[in-house]
Amino acid sequence: MFLLIFSVVVFILVAYLVQKKLPKHELYAIALFSILLGFVTDVTLDLKYNLYGYFAPV
């Protein structure tokens, strides 16, 4: 468990400290696309295929 936590912390630090060569507007576009893709995927899997069985259907 310690190795897992240590690896995650090291990865986050390296990702934060490495120089980013993309302009800020491209970073925002990538982040927005990732959020939108995750949202569309979650909605599709929940409403169309009913794969999230945490709650009873309304």
PDB file of N, CA and C in Angstrom:
ATOM      1  N   MET A   1       0.822  -1.187   0.000  1.00  0.00           N
ATOM      2  CA  MET A   1       0.000   0.000   0.000  1.00  0.00           C
ATOM      3  C   MET A   1       0.869   1.254   0.000  1.00  0.00           C
ATOM      4  N   PHE A   2       1.969   1.189   0.744  1.00  0.00           N
ATOM      5  CA  PHE A   2       2.881   2.328   0.783  1.00  0.00           C
ATOM      6  C   PHE A   2       3.452   2.613  -0.601  1.00  0.00           C
ATOM      7  N   LEU A   3       3.794   1.561  -1.332  1.00  0.00           N
ATOM      8  CA  LEU A   3       4.364   1.745  -2.667  1.00  0.00           C
ATOM      9  C   LEU A   3       3.353   2.397  -3.614  1.00  0.00           C
ATOM     10  N   LEU A   4       2.099   2.034  -3.491  1.00  0.00           N
ATOM     11  CA  LEU A   4       1.058   2.628  -4.320  1.00  0.00           C
ATOM     12  C   LEU A   4       0.921   4.119  -4.043  1.00  0.00           C
ATOM     13  N   ILE A   5       0.826   4.490  -2.781  1.00  0.00           N
ATOM     14  CA  ILE A   5       0.697   5.907  -2.418  1.00  0.00           C
ATOM     15  C   ILE A   5       1.937   6.683  -2.837  1.00  0.00           C
ATOM     16  N   PHE A   6       3.097   6.119  -2.606  1.00  0.00           N
ATOM     17  CA  PHE A   6       4.351   6.767  -3.002  1.00  0.00           C
ATOM     18  C   PHE A   6       4.409   6.971  -4.510  1.00  0.00           C
ATOM     19  N   SER A   7       4.008   5.963  -5.283  1.00  0.00           N
ATOM     20  CA  SER A   7       4.021   6.071  -6.739  1.00  0.00           C
ATOM     21  C   SER A   7       3.067   7.148  -7.238  1.00  0.00           C
ATOM     22  N   VAL A   8       1.889   7.231  -6.638  1.00  0.00           N
ATOM     23  CA  VAL A   8       0.919   8.249  -7.046  1.00  0.00           C
ATOM     24  C   VAL A   8       1.452   9.646  -6.744  1.00  0.00           C
ATOM     25  N   VAL A   9       2.030   9.830  -5.567  1.00  0.00           N
ATOM     26  CA  VAL A   9       2.574  11.141  -5.195  1.00  0.00           C
ATOM     27  C   VAL A   9       3.714  11.532  -6.122  1.00  0.00           C
ATOM     28  N   VAL A  10       4.599  10.610  -6.428  1.00  0.00           N
ATOM     29  CA  VAL A  10       5.717  10.897  -7.332  1.00  0.00           C
ATOM     30  C   VAL A  10       5.198  11.234  -8.725  1.00  0.00           C
ATOM     31  N   PHE A  11       4.227  10.494  -9.215  1.00  0.00           N
ATOM     32  CA  PHE A  11       3.679  10.767 -10.539  1.00  0.00           C
ATOM     33  C   PHE A  11       3.041  12.154 -10.595  1.00  0.00           C
ATOM     34  N   ILE A  12       2.288  12.512  -9.576  1.00  0.00           N
ATOM     35  CA  ILE A  12       1.645  13.834  -9.555  1.00  0.00           C
ATOM     36  C   ILE A  12       2.692  14.936  -9.507  1.00  0.00           C
ATOM     37  N   LEU A  13       3.732  14.762  -8.707  1.00  0.00           N
ATOM     38  CA  LEU A  13       4.789  15.771  -8.643  1.00  0.00           C
ATOM     39  C   LEU A  13       5.519  15.920  -9.969  1.00  0.00           C
ATOM     40  N   VAL A  14       5.827  14.809 -10.613  1.00  0.00           N
ATOM     41  CA  VAL A  14       6.515  14.866 -11.904  1.00  0.00           C
ATOM     42  C   VAL A  14       5.624  15.512 -12.959  1.00  0.00           C
ATOM     43  N   ALA A  15       4.343  15.162 -12.983  1.00  0.00           N
ATOM     44  CA  ALA A  15       3.427  15.745 -13.956  1.00  0.00           C
ATOM     45  C   ALA A  15       3.253  17.238 -13.714  1.00  0.00           C
ATOM     46  N   TYR A  16       3.306  17.667 -12.471  1.00  0.00           N
ATOM     47  CA  TYR A  16       3.144  19.082 -12.162  1.00  0.00           C
ATOM     48  C   TYR A  16       4.412  19.877 -12.481  1.00  0.00           C
ATOM     49  N   LEU A  17       5.583  19.292 -12.255  1.00  0.00           N
ATOM     50  CA  LEU A  17       6.836  20.018 -12.401  1.00  0.00           C
ATOM     51  C   LEU A  17       7.423  19.984 -13.815  1.00  0.00           C
ATOM     52  N   VAL A  18       7.002  19.054 -14.648  1.00  0.00           N
ATOM     53  CA  VAL A  18       7.568  18.971 -15.992  1.00  0.00           C
ATOM     54  C   VAL A  18       7.103  20.187 -16.806  1.00  0.00           C
ATOM     55  N   GLN A  19       7.973  20.673 -17.675  1.00  0.00           N
ATOM     56  CA  GLN A  19       7.624  21.839 -18.473  1.00  0.00           C
ATOM     57  C   GLN A  19       6.571  21.472 -19.504  1.00  0.00           C
ATOM     58  N   LYS A  20       5.553  22.300 -19.574  1.00  0.00           N
ATOM     59  CA  LYS A  20       4.492  22.083 -20.542  1.00  0.00           C
ATOM     60  C   LYS A  20       4.761  22.951 -21.765  1.00  0.00           C
ATOM     61  N   LYS A  21       4.762  22.336 -22.929  1.00  0.00           N
ATOM     62  CA  LYS A  21       5.104  23.056 -24.142  1.00  0.00           C
ATOM     63  C   LYS A  21       3.877  23.515 -24.918  1.00  0.00           C
ATOM     64  N   LEU A  22       2.679  23.217 -24.401  1.00  0.00           N
ATOM     65  CA  LEU A  22       1.463  23.646 -25.072  1.00  0.00           C
ATOM     66  C   LEU A  22       1.023  24.995 -24.517  1.00  0.00           C
ATOM     67  N   PRO A  23       0.446  25.828 -25.373  1.00  0.00           N
ATOM     68  CA  PRO A  23      -0.099  27.093 -24.872  1.00  0.00           C
ATOM     69  C   PRO A  23      -1.309  26.840 -23.974  1.00  0.00           C
ATOM     70  N   LYS A  24      -1.628  27.845 -23.162  1.00  0.00           N
ATOM     71  CA  LYS A  24      -2.716  27.688 -22.191  1.00  0.00           C
ATOM     72  C   LYS A  24      -4.051  27.406 -22.868  1.00  0.00           C
ATOM     73  N   HIS A  25      -4.329  28.023 -24.020  1.00  0.00           N
ATOM     74  CA  HIS A  25      -5.624  27.789 -24.658  1.00  0.00           C
ATOM     75  C   HIS A  25      -5.759  26.350 -25.155  1.00  0.00           C
ATOM     76  N   GLU A  26      -4.668  25.715 -25.538  1.00  0.00           N
ATOM     77  CA  GLU A  26      -4.726  24.314 -25.943  1.00  0.00           C
ATOM     78  C   GLU A  26      -4.913  23.398 -24.729  1.00  0.00           C
ATOM     79  N   LEU A  27      -4.290  23.738 -23.614  1.00  0.00           N
ATOM     80  CA  LEU A  27      -4.483  22.958 -22.389  1.00  0.00           C
ATOM     81  C   LEU A  27      -5.941  23.029 -21.942  1.00  0.00           C
ATOM     82  N   TYR A  28      -6.545  24.219 -22.033  1.00  0.00           N
ATOM     83  CA  TYR A  28      -7.953  24.359 -21.660  1.00  0.00           C
ATOM     84  C   TYR A  28      -8.850  23.567 -22.605  1.00  0.00           C
ATOM     85  N   ALA A  29      -8.524  23.560 -23.897  1.00  0.00           N
ATOM     86  CA  ALA A  29      -9.325  22.809 -24.865  1.00  0.00           C
ATOM     87  C   ALA A  29      -9.237  21.304 -24.584  1.00  0.00           C
ATOM     88  N   ILE A  30      -8.062  20.825 -24.258  1.00  0.00           N
ATOM     89  CA  ILE A  30      -7.883  19.410 -23.950  1.00  0.00           C
ATOM     90  C   ILE A  30      -8.651  19.037 -22.678  1.00  0.00           C
ATOM     91  N   ALA A  31      -8.570  19.889 -21.657  1.00  0.00           N
ATOM     92  CA  ALA A  31      -9.284  19.617 -20.408  1.00  0.00           C
ATOM     93  C   ALA A  31     -10.793  19.629 -20.640  1.00  0.00           C
ATOM     94  N   LEU A  32     -11.294  20.585 -21.414  1.00  0.00           N
ATOM     95  CA  LEU A  32     -12.724  20.657 -21.700  1.00  0.00           C
ATOM     96  C   LEU A  32     -13.192  19.437 -22.487  1.00  0.00           C
ATOM     97  N   PHE A  33     -12.404  19.007 -23.462  1.00  0.00           N
ATOM     98  CA  PHE A  33     -12.746  17.814 -24.231  1.00  0.00           C
ATOM     99  C   PHE A  33     -12.785  16.580 -23.341  1.00  0.00           C
ATOM    100  N   SER A  34     -11.827  16.453 -22.434  1.00  0.00           N
ATOM    101  CA  SER A  34     -11.791  15.292 -21.539  1.00  0.00           C
ATOM    102  C   SER A  34     -13.002  15.268 -20.614  1.00  0.00           C
ATOM    103  N   ILE A  35     -13.358  16.429 -20.074  1.00  0.00           N
ATOM    104  CA  ILE A  35     -14.528  16.503 -19.194  1.00  0.00           C
ATOM    105  C   ILE A  35     -15.795  16.166 -19.965  1.00  0.00           C
ATOM    106  N   LEU A  36     -15.933  16.718 -21.162  1.00  0.00           N
ATOM    107  CA  LEU A  36     -17.117  16.475 -21.976  1.00  0.00           C
ATOM    108  C   LEU A  36     -17.212  15.010 -22.400  1.00  0.00           C
ATOM    109  N   LEU A  37     -16.102  14.415 -22.786  1.00  0.00           N
ATOM    110  CA  LEU A  37     -16.106  13.008 -23.180  1.00  0.00           C
ATOM    111  C   LEU A  37     -16.495  12.112 -22.001  1.00  0.00           C
ATOM    112  N   GLY A  38     -15.970  12.391 -20.818  1.00  0.00           N
ATOM    113  CA  GLY A  38     -16.343  11.618 -19.638  1.00  0.00           C
ATOM    114  C   GLY A  38     -17.811  11.760 -19.301  1.00  0.00           C
ATOM    115  N   PHE A  39     -18.337  12.983 -19.418  1.00  0.00           N
ATOM    116  CA  PHE A  39     -19.746  13.219 -19.121  1.00  0.00           C
ATOM    117  C   PHE A  39     -20.647  12.489 -20.113  1.00  0.00           C
ATOM    118  N   VAL A  40     -20.337  12.586 -21.404  1.00  0.00           N
ATOM    119  CA  VAL A  40     -21.152  11.915 -22.429  1.00  0.00           C
ATOM    120  C   VAL A  40     -21.094  10.405 -22.250  1.00  0.00           C
ATOM    121  N   THR A  41     -19.930   9.876 -21.937  1.00  0.00           N
ATOM    122  CA  THR A  41     -19.791   8.441 -21.718  1.00  0.00           C
ATOM    123  C   THR A  41     -20.613   7.989 -20.519  1.00  0.00           C
ATOM    124  N   ASP A  42     -20.528   8.734 -19.413  1.00  0.00           N
ATOM    125  CA  ASP A  42     -21.297   8.363 -18.222  1.00  0.00           C
ATOM    126  C   ASP A  42     -22.795   8.429 -18.479  1.00  0.00           C
ATOM    127  N   VAL A  43     -23.245   9.466 -19.153  1.00  0.00           N
ATOM    128  CA  VAL A  43     -24.681   9.596 -19.427  1.00  0.00           C
ATOM    129  C   VAL A  43     -25.145   8.484 -20.358  1.00  0.00           C
ATOM    130  N   THR A  44     -24.369   8.168 -21.374  1.00  0.00           N
ATOM    131  CA  THR A  44     -24.744   7.114 -22.314  1.00  0.00           C
ATOM    132  C   THR A  44     -24.805   5.757 -21.625  1.00  0.00           C
ATOM    133  N   LEU A  45     -23.783   5.445 -20.838  1.00  0.00           N
ATOM    134  CA  LEU A  45     -23.765   4.146 -20.163  1.00  0.00           C
ATOM    135  C   LEU A  45     -24.860   4.035 -19.117  1.00  0.00           C
ATOM    136  N   ASP A  46     -25.250   5.169 -18.523  1.00  0.00           N
ATOM    137  CA  ASP A  46     -26.287   5.114 -17.487  1.00  0.00           C
ATOM    138  C   ASP A  46     -27.683   5.110 -18.100  1.00  0.00           C
ATOM    139  N   LEU A  47     -27.984   6.038 -18.970  1.00  0.00           N
ATOM    140  CA  LEU A  47     -29.354   6.188 -19.447  1.00  0.00           C
ATOM    141  C   LEU A  47     -29.716   5.210 -20.562  1.00  0.00           C
ATOM    142  N   LYS A  48     -28.793   4.978 -21.481  1.00  0.00           N
ATOM    143  CA  LYS A  48     -29.122   4.109 -22.613  1.00  0.00           C
ATOM    144  C   LYS A  48     -28.959   2.631 -22.265  1.00  0.00           C
ATOM    145  N   TYR A  49     -27.869   2.293 -21.592  1.00  0.00           N
ATOM    146  CA  TYR A  49     -27.580   0.887 -21.323  1.00  0.00           C
ATOM    147  C   TYR A  49     -27.850   0.470 -19.881  1.00  0.00           C
ATOM    148  N   ASN A  50     -28.153   1.424 -19.007  1.00  0.00           N
ATOM    149  CA  ASN A  50     -28.475   1.165 -17.601  1.00  0.00           C
ATOM    150  C   ASN A  50     -27.392   0.317 -16.918  1.00  0.00           C
ATOM    151  N   LEU A  51     -26.137   0.714 -17.106  1.00  0.00           N
ATOM    152  CA  LEU A  51     -25.024  -0.045 -16.544  1.00  0.00           C
ATOM    153  C   LEU A  51     -24.636   0.399 -15.140  1.00  0.00           C
ATOM    154  N   TYR A  52     -25.127   1.555 -14.715  1.00  0.00           N
ATOM    155  CA  TYR A  52     -24.863   2.002 -13.365  1.00  0.00           C
ATOM    156  C   TYR A  52     -26.038   1.634 -12.497  1.00  0.00           C
ATOM    157  N   GLY A  53     -25.927   0.546 -11.756  1.00  0.00           N
ATOM    158  CA  GLY A  53     -27.041   0.020 -10.999  1.00  0.00           C
ATOM    159  C   GLY A  53     -27.063   0.456  -9.556  1.00  0.00           C
ATOM    160  N   TYR A  54     -26.574   1.651  -9.255  1.00  0.00           N
ATOM    161  CA  TYR A  54     -26.539   2.108  -7.865  1.00  0.00           C
ATOM    162  C   TYR A  54     -27.914   2.531  -7.368  1.00  0.00           C
ATOM    163  N   PHE A  55     -28.740   3.038  -8.262  1.00  0.00           N
ATOM    164  CA  PHE A  55     -30.038   3.563  -7.862  1.00  0.00           C
ATOM    165  C   PHE A  55     -31.134   2.857  -8.644  1.00  0.00           C
ATOM    166  N   ALA A  56     -32.324   2.831  -8.099  1.00  0.00           N
ATOM    167  CA  ALA A  56     -33.456   2.229  -8.799  1.00  0.00           C
ATOM    168  C   ALA A  56     -33.893   3.145  -9.939  1.00  0.00           C
ATOM    169  N   PRO A  57     -34.311   2.584 -11.073  1.00  0.00           N
ATOM    170  CA  PRO A  57     -34.767   3.439 -12.183  1.00  0.00           C
ATOM    171  C   PRO A  57     -35.994   4.229 -11.786  1.00  0.00           C
ATOM    172  N   VAL A  58     -36.054   5.443 -12.296  1.00  0.00           N
ATOM    173  CA  VAL A  58     -37.163   6.334 -11.944  1.00  0.00           C
ATOM    174  C   VAL A  58     -38.344   6.066 -12.855  1.00  0.00           C
TER     175      VAL A  58
END
